[in-house]
mmCIF file of all heavy atoms, coordinates in Angstrom:
data_MODEL
# 
_entry.id   MODEL 
# 
loop_
_atom_site.group_PDB 
_atom_site.id 
_atom_site.type_symbol 
_atom_site.label_atom_id 
_atom_site.label_alt_id 
_atom_site.label_comp_id 
_atom_site.label_asym_id 
_atom_site.label_entity_id 
_atom_site.label_seq_id 
_atom_site.pdbx_PDB_ins_code 
_atom_site.Cartn_x 
_atom_site.Cartn_y 
_atom_site.Cartn_z 
_atom_site.occupancy 
_atom_site.B_iso_or_equiv 
_atom_site.pdbx_formal_charge 
_atom_site.auth_seq_id 
_atom_site.auth_comp_id 
_atom_site.auth_asym_id 
_atom_site.auth_atom_id 
_atom_site.pdbx_PDB_model_num 
ATOM 1   N N   . LEU A 1 1  ? 113.907 113.867 98.401  1.00 0.00 ? 1  LEU A N   1 
ATOM 2   C CA  . LEU A 1 1  ? 113.846 114.070 99.852  1.00 0.00 ? 1  LEU A CA  1 
ATOM 3   C C   . LEU A 1 1  ? 114.968 114.942 100.362 1.00 0.00 ? 1  LEU A C   1 
ATOM 4   O O   . LEU A 1 1  ? 114.848 115.604 101.402 1.00 0.00 ? 1  LEU A O   1 
ATOM 5   C CB  . LEU A 1 1  ? 113.854 112.723 100.583 1.00 0.00 ? 1  LEU A CB  1 
ATOM 6   C CG  . LEU A 1 1  ? 112.586 111.913 100.479 1.00 0.00 ? 1  LEU A CG  1 
ATOM 7   C CD1 . LEU A 1 1  ? 112.748 110.565 101.167 1.00 0.00 ? 1  LEU A CD1 1 
ATOM 8   C CD2 . LEU A 1 1  ? 111.399 112.672 101.100 1.00 0.00 ? 1  LEU A CD2 1 
ATOM 9   N N   . THR A 1 2  ? 116.088 114.962 99.658  1.00 0.00 ? 2  THR A N   1 
ATOM 10  C CA  . THR A 1 2  ? 117.225 115.775 100.071 1.00 0.00 ? 2  THR A CA  1 
ATOM 11  C C   . THR A 1 2  ? 117.218 117.146 99.410  1.00 0.00 ? 2  THR A C   1 
ATOM 12  O O   . THR A 1 2  ? 118.089 117.961 99.691  1.00 0.00 ? 2  THR A O   1 
ATOM 13  C CB  . THR A 1 2  ? 118.559 115.044 99.755  1.00 0.00 ? 2  THR A CB  1 
ATOM 14  O OG1 . THR A 1 2  ? 118.642 114.799 98.339  1.00 0.00 ? 2  THR A OG1 1 
ATOM 15  C CG2 . THR A 1 2  ? 118.639 113.732 100.512 1.00 0.00 ? 2  THR A CG2 1 
ATOM 16  N N   . GLY A 1 3  ? 116.253 117.407 98.571  1.00 0.00 ? 3  GLY A N   1 
ATOM 17  C CA  . GLY A 1 3  ? 116.164 118.701 97.878  1.00 0.00 ? 3  GLY A CA  1 
ATOM 18  C C   . GLY A 1 3  ? 115.550 119.753 98.770  1.00 0.00 ? 3  GLY A C   1 
ATOM 19  O O   . GLY A 1 3  ? 115.091 119.505 99.884  1.00 0.00 ? 3  GLY A O   1 
ATOM 20  N N   . SER A 1 4  ? 115.527 120.996 98.276  1.00 0.00 ? 4  SER A N   1 
ATOM 21  C CA  . SER A 1 4  ? 115.022 122.118 99.038  1.00 0.00 ? 4  SER A CA  1 
ATOM 22  C C   . SER A 1 4  ? 113.489 122.102 99.177  1.00 0.00 ? 4  SER A C   1 
ATOM 23  O O   . SER A 1 4  ? 112.957 122.648 100.129 1.00 0.00 ? 4  SER A O   1 
ATOM 24  C CB  . SER A 1 4  ? 115.469 123.425 98.406  1.00 0.00 ? 4  SER A CB  1 
ATOM 25  O OG  . SER A 1 4  ? 114.984 123.518 97.088  1.00 0.00 ? 4  SER A OG  1 
ATOM 26  N N   . ALA A 1 5  ? 112.794 121.519 98.222  1.00 0.00 ? 5  ALA A N   1 
ATOM 27  C CA  . ALA A 1 5  ? 111.327 121.478 98.258  1.00 0.00 ? 5  ALA A CA  1 
ATOM 28  C C   . ALA A 1 5  ? 110.886 120.012 98.350  1.00 0.00 ? 5  ALA A C   1 
ATOM 29  O O   . ALA A 1 5  ? 110.301 119.475 97.426  1.00 0.00 ? 5  ALA A O   1 
ATOM 30  C CB  . ALA A 1 5  ? 110.749 122.133 97.015  1.00 0.00 ? 5  ALA A CB  1 
ATOM 31  N N   . ALA A 1 6  ? 111.189 119.399 99.493  1.00 0.00 ? 6  ALA A N   1 
ATOM 32  C CA  . ALA A 1 6  ? 110.869 117.979 99.656  1.00 0.00 ? 6  ALA A CA  1 
ATOM 33  C C   . ALA A 1 6  ? 109.365 117.740 99.591  1.00 0.00 ? 6  ALA A C   1 
ATOM 34  O O   . ALA A 1 6  ? 108.585 118.500 100.144 1.00 0.00 ? 6  ALA A O   1 
ATOM 35  C CB  . ALA A 1 6  ? 111.441 117.471 100.981 1.00 0.00 ? 6  ALA A CB  1 
ATOM 36  N N   . PRO A 1 7  ? 108.969 116.677 98.924  1.00 0.00 ? 7  PRO A N   1 
ATOM 37  C CA  . PRO A 1 7  ? 107.528 116.303 98.838  1.00 0.00 ? 7  PRO A CA  1 
ATOM 38  C C   . PRO A 1 7  ? 107.031 115.699 100.147 1.00 0.00 ? 7  PRO A C   1 
ATOM 39  O O   . PRO A 1 7  ? 107.819 115.330 101.018 1.00 0.00 ? 7  PRO A O   1 
ATOM 40  C CB  . PRO A 1 7  ? 107.530 115.264 97.732  1.00 0.00 ? 7  PRO A CB  1 
ATOM 41  C CG  . PRO A 1 7  ? 108.869 114.610 97.840  1.00 0.00 ? 7  PRO A CG  1 
ATOM 42  C CD  . PRO A 1 7  ? 109.817 115.708 98.229  1.00 0.00 ? 7  PRO A CD  1 
ATOM 43  N N   . ARG A 1 8  ? 105.733 115.599 100.271 1.00 0.00 ? 8  ARG A N   1 
ATOM 44  C CA  . ARG A 1 8  ? 105.111 114.853 101.376 1.00 0.00 ? 8  ARG A CA  1 
ATOM 45  C C   . ARG A 1 8  ? 105.143 113.381 100.978 1.00 0.00 ? 8  ARG A C   1 
ATOM 46  O O   . ARG A 1 8  ? 104.717 113.017 99.878  1.00 0.00 ? 8  ARG A O   1 
ATOM 47  C CB  . ARG A 1 8  ? 103.652 115.277 101.605 1.00 0.00 ? 8  ARG A CB  1 
ATOM 48  C CG  . ARG A 1 8  ? 103.438 116.688 102.085 1.00 0.00 ? 8  ARG A CG  1 
ATOM 49  C CD  . ARG A 1 8  ? 103.877 116.918 103.521 1.00 0.00 ? 8  ARG A CD  1 
ATOM 50  N NE  . ARG A 1 8  ? 103.253 116.068 104.516 1.00 0.00 ? 8  ARG A NE  1 
ATOM 51  C CZ  . ARG A 1 8  ? 102.201 116.406 105.268 1.00 0.00 ? 8  ARG A CZ  1 
ATOM 52  N NH1 . ARG A 1 8  ? 101.639 117.584 105.132 1.00 0.00 ? 8  ARG A NH1 1 
ATOM 53  N NH2 . ARG A 1 8  ? 101.721 115.547 106.145 1.00 0.00 ? 8  ARG A NH2 1 
ATOM 54  N N   . ILE A 1 9  ? 105.602 112.546 101.859 1.00 0.00 ? 9  ILE A N   1 
ATOM 55  C CA  . ILE A 1 9  ? 105.647 111.115 101.639 1.00 0.00 ? 9  ILE A CA  1 
ATOM 56  C C   . ILE A 1 9  ? 104.527 110.465 102.446 1.00 0.00 ? 9  ILE A C   1 
ATOM 57  O O   . ILE A 1 9  ? 104.460 110.655 103.661 1.00 0.00 ? 9  ILE A O   1 
ATOM 58  C CB  . ILE A 1 9  ? 107.006 110.508 102.054 1.00 0.00 ? 9  ILE A CB  1 
ATOM 59  C CG1 . ILE A 1 9  ? 108.161 111.263 101.374 1.00 0.00 ? 9  ILE A CG1 1 
ATOM 60  C CG2 . ILE A 1 9  ? 107.045 109.022 101.772 1.00 0.00 ? 9  ILE A CG2 1 
ATOM 61  C CD1 . ILE A 1 9  ? 108.204 111.144 99.882  1.00 0.00 ? 9  ILE A CD1 1 
ATOM 62  N N   . ILE A 1 10 ? 103.654 109.727 101.773 1.00 0.00 ? 10 ILE A N   1 
ATOM 63  C CA  . ILE A 1 10 ? 102.509 109.108 102.414 1.00 0.00 ? 10 ILE A CA  1 
ATOM 64  C C   . ILE A 1 10 ? 102.629 107.584 102.263 1.00 0.00 ? 10 ILE A C   1 
ATOM 65  O O   . ILE A 1 10 ? 102.675 107.064 101.161 1.00 0.00 ? 10 ILE A O   1 
ATOM 66  C CB  . ILE A 1 10 ? 101.178 109.574 101.803 1.00 0.00 ? 10 ILE A CB  1 
ATOM 67  C CG1 . ILE A 1 10 ? 101.074 111.096 101.743 1.00 0.00 ? 10 ILE A CG1 1 
ATOM 68  C CG2 . ILE A 1 10 ? 100.008 108.942 102.545 1.00 0.00 ? 10 ILE A CG2 1 
ATOM 69  C CD1 . ILE A 1 10 ? 100.887 111.790 103.064 1.00 0.00 ? 10 ILE A CD1 1 
ATOM 70  N N   . ASP A 1 11 ? 102.649 106.891 103.394 1.00 0.00 ? 11 ASP A N   1 
ATOM 71  C CA  . ASP A 1 11 ? 102.667 105.433 103.437 1.00 0.00 ? 11 ASP A CA  1 
ATOM 72  C C   . ASP A 1 11 ? 101.227 104.968 103.533 1.00 0.00 ? 11 ASP A C   1 
ATOM 73  O O   . ASP A 1 11 ? 100.533 105.274 104.488 1.00 0.00 ? 11 ASP A O   1 
ATOM 74  C CB  . ASP A 1 11 ? 103.457 105.002 104.667 1.00 0.00 ? 11 ASP A CB  1 
ATOM 75  C CG  . ASP A 1 11 ? 103.651 103.502 104.779 1.00 0.00 ? 11 ASP A CG  1 
ATOM 76  O OD1 . ASP A 1 11 ? 102.713 102.738 104.442 1.00 0.00 ? 11 ASP A OD1 1 
ATOM 77  O OD2 . ASP A 1 11 ? 104.718 103.089 105.263 1.00 0.00 ? 11 ASP A OD2 1 
ATOM 78  N N   . VAL A 1 12 ? 100.766 104.247 102.513 1.00 0.00 ? 12 VAL A N   1 
ATOM 79  C CA  . VAL A 1 12 ? 99.371  103.825 102.470 1.00 0.00 ? 12 VAL A CA  1 
ATOM 80  C C   . VAL A 1 12 ? 99.173  102.373 102.900 1.00 0.00 ? 12 VAL A C   1 
ATOM 81  O O   . VAL A 1 12 ? 98.100  101.808 102.734 1.00 0.00 ? 12 VAL A O   1 
ATOM 82  C CB  . VAL A 1 12 ? 98.734  104.053 101.051 1.00 0.00 ? 12 VAL A CB  1 
ATOM 83  C CG1 . VAL A 1 12 ? 98.771  105.536 100.703 1.00 0.00 ? 12 VAL A CG1 1 
ATOM 84  C CG2 . VAL A 1 12 ? 99.399  103.203 99.988  1.00 0.00 ? 12 VAL A CG2 1 
ATOM 85  N N   . ARG A 1 13 ? 100.210 101.782 103.515 1.00 0.00 ? 13 ARG A N   1 
ATOM 86  C CA  . ARG A 1 13 ? 100.121 100.393 103.950 1.00 0.00 ? 13 ARG A CA  1 
ATOM 87  C C   . ARG A 1 13 ? 99.298  100.254 105.222 1.00 0.00 ? 13 ARG A C   1 
ATOM 88  O O   . ARG A 1 13 ? 98.892  101.242 105.827 1.00 0.00 ? 13 ARG A O   1 
ATOM 89  C CB  . ARG A 1 13 ? 101.538 99.835  104.187 1.00 0.00 ? 13 ARG A CB  1 
ATOM 90  C CG  . ARG A 1 13 ? 102.400 99.831  102.937 1.00 0.00 ? 13 ARG A CG  1 
ATOM 91  C CD  . ARG A 1 13 ? 103.821 99.374  103.229 1.00 0.00 ? 13 ARG A CD  1 
ATOM 92  N NE  . ARG A 1 13 ? 104.419 100.246 104.236 1.00 0.00 ? 13 ARG A NE  1 
ATOM 93  C CZ  . ARG A 1 13 ? 105.454 99.871  105.030 1.00 0.00 ? 13 ARG A CZ  1 
ATOM 94  N NH1 . ARG A 1 13 ? 105.974 98.679  104.917 1.00 0.00 ? 13 ARG A NH1 1 
ATOM 95  N NH2 . ARG A 1 13 ? 105.936 100.739 105.902 1.00 0.00 ? 13 ARG A NH2 1 
ATOM 96  N N   . GLU A 1 14 ? 99.081  99.026  105.611 1.00 0.00 ? 14 GLU A N   1 
ATOM 97  C CA  . GLU A 1 14 ? 98.353  98.719  106.839 1.00 0.00 ? 14 GLU A CA  1 
ATOM 98  C C   . GLU A 1 14 ? 99.218  99.029  108.065 1.00 0.00 ? 14 GLU A C   1 
ATOM 99  O O   . GLU A 1 14 ? 100.450 99.129  107.961 1.00 0.00 ? 14 GLU A O   1 
ATOM 100 C CB  . GLU A 1 14 ? 97.964  97.230  106.867 1.00 0.00 ? 14 GLU A CB  1 
ATOM 101 C CG  . GLU A 1 14 ? 97.060  96.812  105.733 1.00 0.00 ? 14 GLU A CG  1 
ATOM 102 C CD  . GLU A 1 14 ? 95.698  97.460  105.784 1.00 0.00 ? 14 GLU A CD  1 
ATOM 103 O OE1 . GLU A 1 14 ? 95.134  97.575  106.899 1.00 0.00 ? 14 GLU A OE1 1 
ATOM 104 O OE2 . GLU A 1 14 ? 95.173  97.852  104.724 1.00 0.00 ? 14 GLU A OE2 1 
ATOM 105 N N   . ASP A 1 15 ? 98.564  99.197  109.212 1.00 0.00 ? 15 ASP A N   1 
ATOM 106 C CA  . ASP A 1 15 ? 99.271  99.541  110.446 1.00 0.00 ? 15 ASP A CA  1 
ATOM 107 C C   . ASP A 1 15 ? 100.417 98.586  110.769 1.00 0.00 ? 15 ASP A C   1 
ATOM 108 O O   . ASP A 1 15 ? 101.505 99.015  111.162 1.00 0.00 ? 15 ASP A O   1 
ATOM 109 C CB  . ASP A 1 15 ? 98.292  99.571  111.633 1.00 0.00 ? 15 ASP A CB  1 
ATOM 110 C CG  . ASP A 1 15 ? 97.260  100.675 111.539 1.00 0.00 ? 15 ASP A CG  1 
ATOM 111 O OD1 . ASP A 1 15 ? 97.423  101.593 110.707 1.00 0.00 ? 15 ASP A OD1 1 
ATOM 112 O OD2 . ASP A 1 15 ? 96.281  100.625 112.295 1.00 0.00 ? 15 ASP A OD2 1 
ATOM 113 N N   . HIS A 1 16 ? 100.184 97.292  110.624 1.00 0.00 ? 16 HIS A N   1 
ATOM 114 C CA  . HIS A 1 16 ? 101.225 96.321  110.982 1.00 0.00 ? 16 HIS A CA  1 
ATOM 115 C C   . HIS A 1 16 ? 102.422 96.407  110.039 1.00 0.00 ? 16 HIS A C   1 
ATOM 116 O O   . HIS A 1 16 ? 103.554 96.131  110.449 1.00 0.00 ? 16 HIS A O   1 
ATOM 117 C CB  . HIS A 1 16 ? 100.653 94.899  111.041 1.00 0.00 ? 16 HIS A CB  1 
ATOM 118 C CG  . HIS A 1 16 ? 100.285 94.323  109.709 1.00 0.00 ? 16 HIS A CG  1 
ATOM 119 N ND1 . HIS A 1 16 ? 99.073  94.603  109.078 1.00 0.00 ? 16 HIS A ND1 1 
ATOM 120 C CD2 . HIS A 1 16 ? 100.965 93.522  108.856 1.00 0.00 ? 16 HIS A CD2 1 
ATOM 121 C CE1 . HIS A 1 16 ? 99.028  93.977  107.919 1.00 0.00 ? 16 HIS A CE1 1 
ATOM 122 N NE2 . HIS A 1 16 ? 100.159 93.325  107.753 1.00 0.00 ? 16 HIS A NE2 1 
ATOM 123 N N   . GLU A 1 17 ? 102.210 96.832  108.806 1.00 0.00 ? 17 GLU A N   1 
ATOM 124 C CA  . GLU A 1 17 ? 103.308 97.006  107.871 1.00 0.00 ? 17 GLU A CA  1 
ATOM 125 C C   . GLU A 1 17 ? 104.139 98.240  108.262 1.00 0.00 ? 17 GLU A C   1 
ATOM 126 O O   . GLU A 1 17 ? 105.378 98.207  108.245 1.00 0.00 ? 17 GLU A O   1 
ATOM 127 C CB  . GLU A 1 17 ? 102.799 97.143  106.434 1.00 0.00 ? 17 GLU A CB  1 
ATOM 128 C CG  . GLU A 1 17 ? 102.133 95.891  105.892 1.00 0.00 ? 17 GLU A CG  1 
ATOM 129 C CD  . GLU A 1 17 ? 101.464 96.133  104.559 1.00 0.00 ? 17 GLU A CD  1 
ATOM 130 O OE1 . GLU A 1 17 ? 100.453 96.866  104.517 1.00 0.00 ? 17 GLU A OE1 1 
ATOM 131 O OE2 . GLU A 1 17 ? 101.970 95.608  103.561 1.00 0.00 ? 17 GLU A OE2 1 
ATOM 132 N N   . TRP A 1 18 ? 103.450 99.308  108.573 1.00 0.00 ? 18 TRP A N   1 
ATOM 133 C CA  . TRP A 1 18 ? 104.105 100.568 108.995 1.00 0.00 ? 18 TRP A CA  1 
ATOM 134 C C   . TRP A 1 18 ? 104.976 100.307 110.219 1.00 0.00 ? 18 TRP A C   1 
ATOM 135 O O   . TRP A 1 18 ? 106.118 100.812 110.289 1.00 0.00 ? 18 TRP A O   1 
ATOM 136 C CB  . TRP A 1 18 ? 103.022 101.594 109.282 1.00 0.00 ? 18 TRP A CB  1 
ATOM 137 C CG  . TRP A 1 18 ? 103.467 102.810 110.058 1.00 0.00 ? 18 TRP A CG  1 
ATOM 138 C CD1 . TRP A 1 18 ? 103.396 102.972 111.405 1.00 0.00 ? 18 TRP A CD1 1 
ATOM 139 C CD2 . TRP A 1 18 ? 104.062 104.001 109.549 1.00 0.00 ? 18 TRP A CD2 1 
ATOM 140 N NE1 . TRP A 1 18 ? 103.892 104.217 111.751 1.00 0.00 ? 18 TRP A NE1 1 
ATOM 141 C CE2 . TRP A 1 18 ? 104.313 104.861 110.624 1.00 0.00 ? 18 TRP A CE2 1 
ATOM 142 C CE3 . TRP A 1 18 ? 104.380 104.422 108.248 1.00 0.00 ? 18 TRP A CE3 1 
ATOM 143 C CZ2 . TRP A 1 18 ? 104.883 106.122 110.480 1.00 0.00 ? 18 TRP A CZ2 1 
ATOM 144 C CZ3 . TRP A 1 18 ? 104.958 105.688 108.109 1.00 0.00 ? 18 TRP A CZ3 1 
ATOM 145 C CH2 . TRP A 1 18 ? 105.192 106.516 109.191 1.00 0.00 ? 18 TRP A CH2 1 
ATOM 146 N N   . ALA A 1 19 ? 104.468 99.551  111.165 1.00 0.00 ? 19 ALA A N   1 
ATOM 147 C CA  . ALA A 1 19 ? 105.193 99.297  112.415 1.00 0.00 ? 19 ALA A CA  1 
ATOM 148 C C   . ALA A 1 19 ? 106.518 98.558  112.196 1.00 0.00 ? 19 ALA A C   1 
ATOM 149 O O   . ALA A 1 19 ? 107.426 98.677  113.006 1.00 0.00 ? 19 ALA A O   1 
ATOM 150 C CB  . ALA A 1 19 ? 104.306 98.502  113.376 1.00 0.00 ? 19 ALA A CB  1 
ATOM 151 N N   . LYS A 1 20 ? 106.623 97.831  111.098 1.00 0.00 ? 20 LYS A N   1 
ATOM 152 C CA  . LYS A 1 20 ? 107.861 97.090  110.807 1.00 0.00 ? 20 LYS A CA  1 
ATOM 153 C C   . LYS A 1 20 ? 108.930 97.932  110.129 1.00 0.00 ? 20 LYS A C   1 
ATOM 154 O O   . LYS A 1 20 ? 110.034 97.470  109.917 1.00 0.00 ? 20 LYS A O   1 
ATOM 155 C CB  . LYS A 1 20 ? 107.534 95.863  109.922 1.00 0.00 ? 20 LYS A CB  1 
ATOM 156 C CG  . LYS A 1 20 ? 106.714 94.819  110.658 1.00 0.00 ? 20 LYS A CG  1 
ATOM 157 C CD  . LYS A 1 20 ? 106.413 93.666  109.720 1.00 0.00 ? 20 LYS A CD  1 
ATOM 158 C CE  . LYS A 1 20 ? 105.508 92.648  110.416 1.00 0.00 ? 20 LYS A CE  1 
ATOM 159 N NZ  . LYS A 1 20 ? 105.154 91.566  109.493 1.00 0.00 ? 20 LYS A NZ  1 
ATOM 160 N N   . GLY A 1 21 ? 108.605 99.162  109.772 1.00 0.00 ? 21 GLY A N   1 
ATOM 161 C CA  . GLY A 1 21 ? 109.555 100.054 109.140 1.00 0.00 ? 21 GLY A CA  1 
ATOM 162 C C   . GLY A 1 21 ? 108.900 100.878 108.057 1.00 0.00 ? 21 GLY A C   1 
ATOM 163 O O   . GLY A 1 21 ? 107.921 100.465 107.461 1.00 0.00 ? 21 GLY A O   1 
ATOM 164 N N   . HIS A 1 22 ? 109.437 102.084 107.852 1.00 0.00 ? 22 HIS A N   1 
ATOM 165 C CA  . HIS A 1 22 ? 108.885 102.998 106.848 1.00 0.00 ? 22 HIS A CA  1 
ATOM 166 C C   . HIS A 1 22 ? 109.967 104.010 106.427 1.00 0.00 ? 22 HIS A C   1 
ATOM 167 O O   . HIS A 1 22 ? 111.032 104.107 107.037 1.00 0.00 ? 22 HIS A O   1 
ATOM 168 C CB  . HIS A 1 22 ? 107.664 103.715 107.408 1.00 0.00 ? 22 HIS A CB  1 
ATOM 169 C CG  . HIS A 1 22 ? 107.876 104.307 108.770 1.00 0.00 ? 22 HIS A CG  1 
ATOM 170 N ND1 . HIS A 1 22 ? 107.692 103.589 109.923 1.00 0.00 ? 22 HIS A ND1 1 
ATOM 171 C CD2 . HIS A 1 22 ? 108.308 105.522 109.141 1.00 0.00 ? 22 HIS A CD2 1 
ATOM 172 C CE1 . HIS A 1 22 ? 107.984 104.345 110.972 1.00 0.00 ? 22 HIS A CE1 1 
ATOM 173 N NE2 . HIS A 1 22 ? 108.361 105.516 110.528 1.00 0.00 ? 22 HIS A NE2 1 
ATOM 174 N N   . LEU A 1 23 ? 109.665 104.758 105.379 1.00 0.00 ? 23 LEU A N   1 
ATOM 175 C CA  . LEU A 1 23 ? 110.596 105.768 104.898 1.00 0.00 ? 23 LEU A CA  1 
ATOM 176 C C   . LEU A 1 23 ? 110.748 106.877 105.925 1.00 0.00 ? 23 LEU A C   1 
ATOM 177 O O   . LEU A 1 23 ? 109.763 107.232 106.606 1.00 0.00 ? 23 LEU A O   1 
ATOM 178 C CB  . LEU A 1 23 ? 110.095 106.395 103.579 1.00 0.00 ? 23 LEU A CB  1 
ATOM 179 C CG  . LEU A 1 23 ? 110.474 105.678 102.284 1.00 0.00 ? 23 LEU A CG  1 
ATOM 180 C CD1 . LEU A 1 23 ? 109.815 104.338 102.170 1.00 0.00 ? 23 LEU A CD1 1 
ATOM 181 C CD2 . LEU A 1 23 ? 110.154 106.550 101.101 1.00 0.00 ? 23 LEU A CD2 1 
ATOM 182 N N   . PRO A 1 24 ? 111.953 107.419 106.061 1.00 0.00 ? 24 PRO A N   1 
ATOM 183 C CA  . PRO A 1 24 ? 112.166 108.529 106.995 1.00 0.00 ? 24 PRO A CA  1 
ATOM 184 C C   . PRO A 1 24 ? 111.265 109.718 106.647 1.00 0.00 ? 24 PRO A C   1 
ATOM 185 O O   . PRO A 1 24 ? 111.144 110.092 105.484 1.00 0.00 ? 24 PRO A O   1 
ATOM 186 C CB  . PRO A 1 24 ? 113.643 108.889 106.768 1.00 0.00 ? 24 PRO A CB  1 
ATOM 187 C CG  . PRO A 1 24 ? 114.260 107.675 106.179 1.00 0.00 ? 24 PRO A CG  1 
ATOM 188 C CD  . PRO A 1 24 ? 113.172 107.034 105.373 1.00 0.00 ? 24 PRO A CD  1 
ATOM 189 N N   . GLY A 1 25 ? 110.604 110.245 107.658 1.00 0.00 ? 25 GLY A N   1 
ATOM 190 C CA  . GLY A 1 25 ? 109.749 111.410 107.471 1.00 0.00 ? 25 GLY A CA  1 
ATOM 191 C C   . GLY A 1 25 ? 108.396 111.132 106.854 1.00 0.00 ? 25 GLY A C   1 
ATOM 192 O O   . GLY A 1 25 ? 107.632 112.055 106.650 1.00 0.00 ? 25 GLY A O   1 
# 
Protein backbone atom coordinates (compact mmCIF):
# COMPACT_ATOMS: atom_id res chain seq x y z
CA LEU A 1 0.00 0.00 0.00
CA THR A 2 2.95 2.33 0.56
CA GLY A 3 4.62 1.40 -2.73
CA SER A 4 4.45 3.31 -6.00
CA ALA A 5 2.05 0.86 -7.66
CA ALA A 6 -0.46 0.27 -4.88
CA PRO A 7 -3.00 -2.51 -5.52
CA ARG A 8 -6.77 -2.15 -5.34
CA ILE A 9 -8.01 -3.32 -1.96
CA ILE A 10 -11.47 -4.89 -1.98
CA ASP A 11 -13.39 -5.59 1.24
CA VAL A 12 -15.79 -8.46 0.54
CA ARG A 13 -17.46 -8.43 3.98
CA GLU A 14 -21.08 -7.60 4.75
CA ASP A 15 -22.22 -3.98 5.10
CA HIS A 16 -22.41 -4.11 8.90
CA GLU A 17 -18.83 -5.41 9.09
CA TRP A 18 -17.55 -2.65 6.79
CA ALA A 19 -19.27 0.00 8.92
CA LYS A 20 -17.30 -1.11 11.99
CA GLY A 21 -13.95 -0.45 10.29
CA HIS A 22 -11.93 -1.27 7.21
CA LEU A 23 -8.50 -0.93 5.64
CA PRO A 24 -7.54 2.60 4.57
CA GLY A 25 -8.40 3.19 0.93
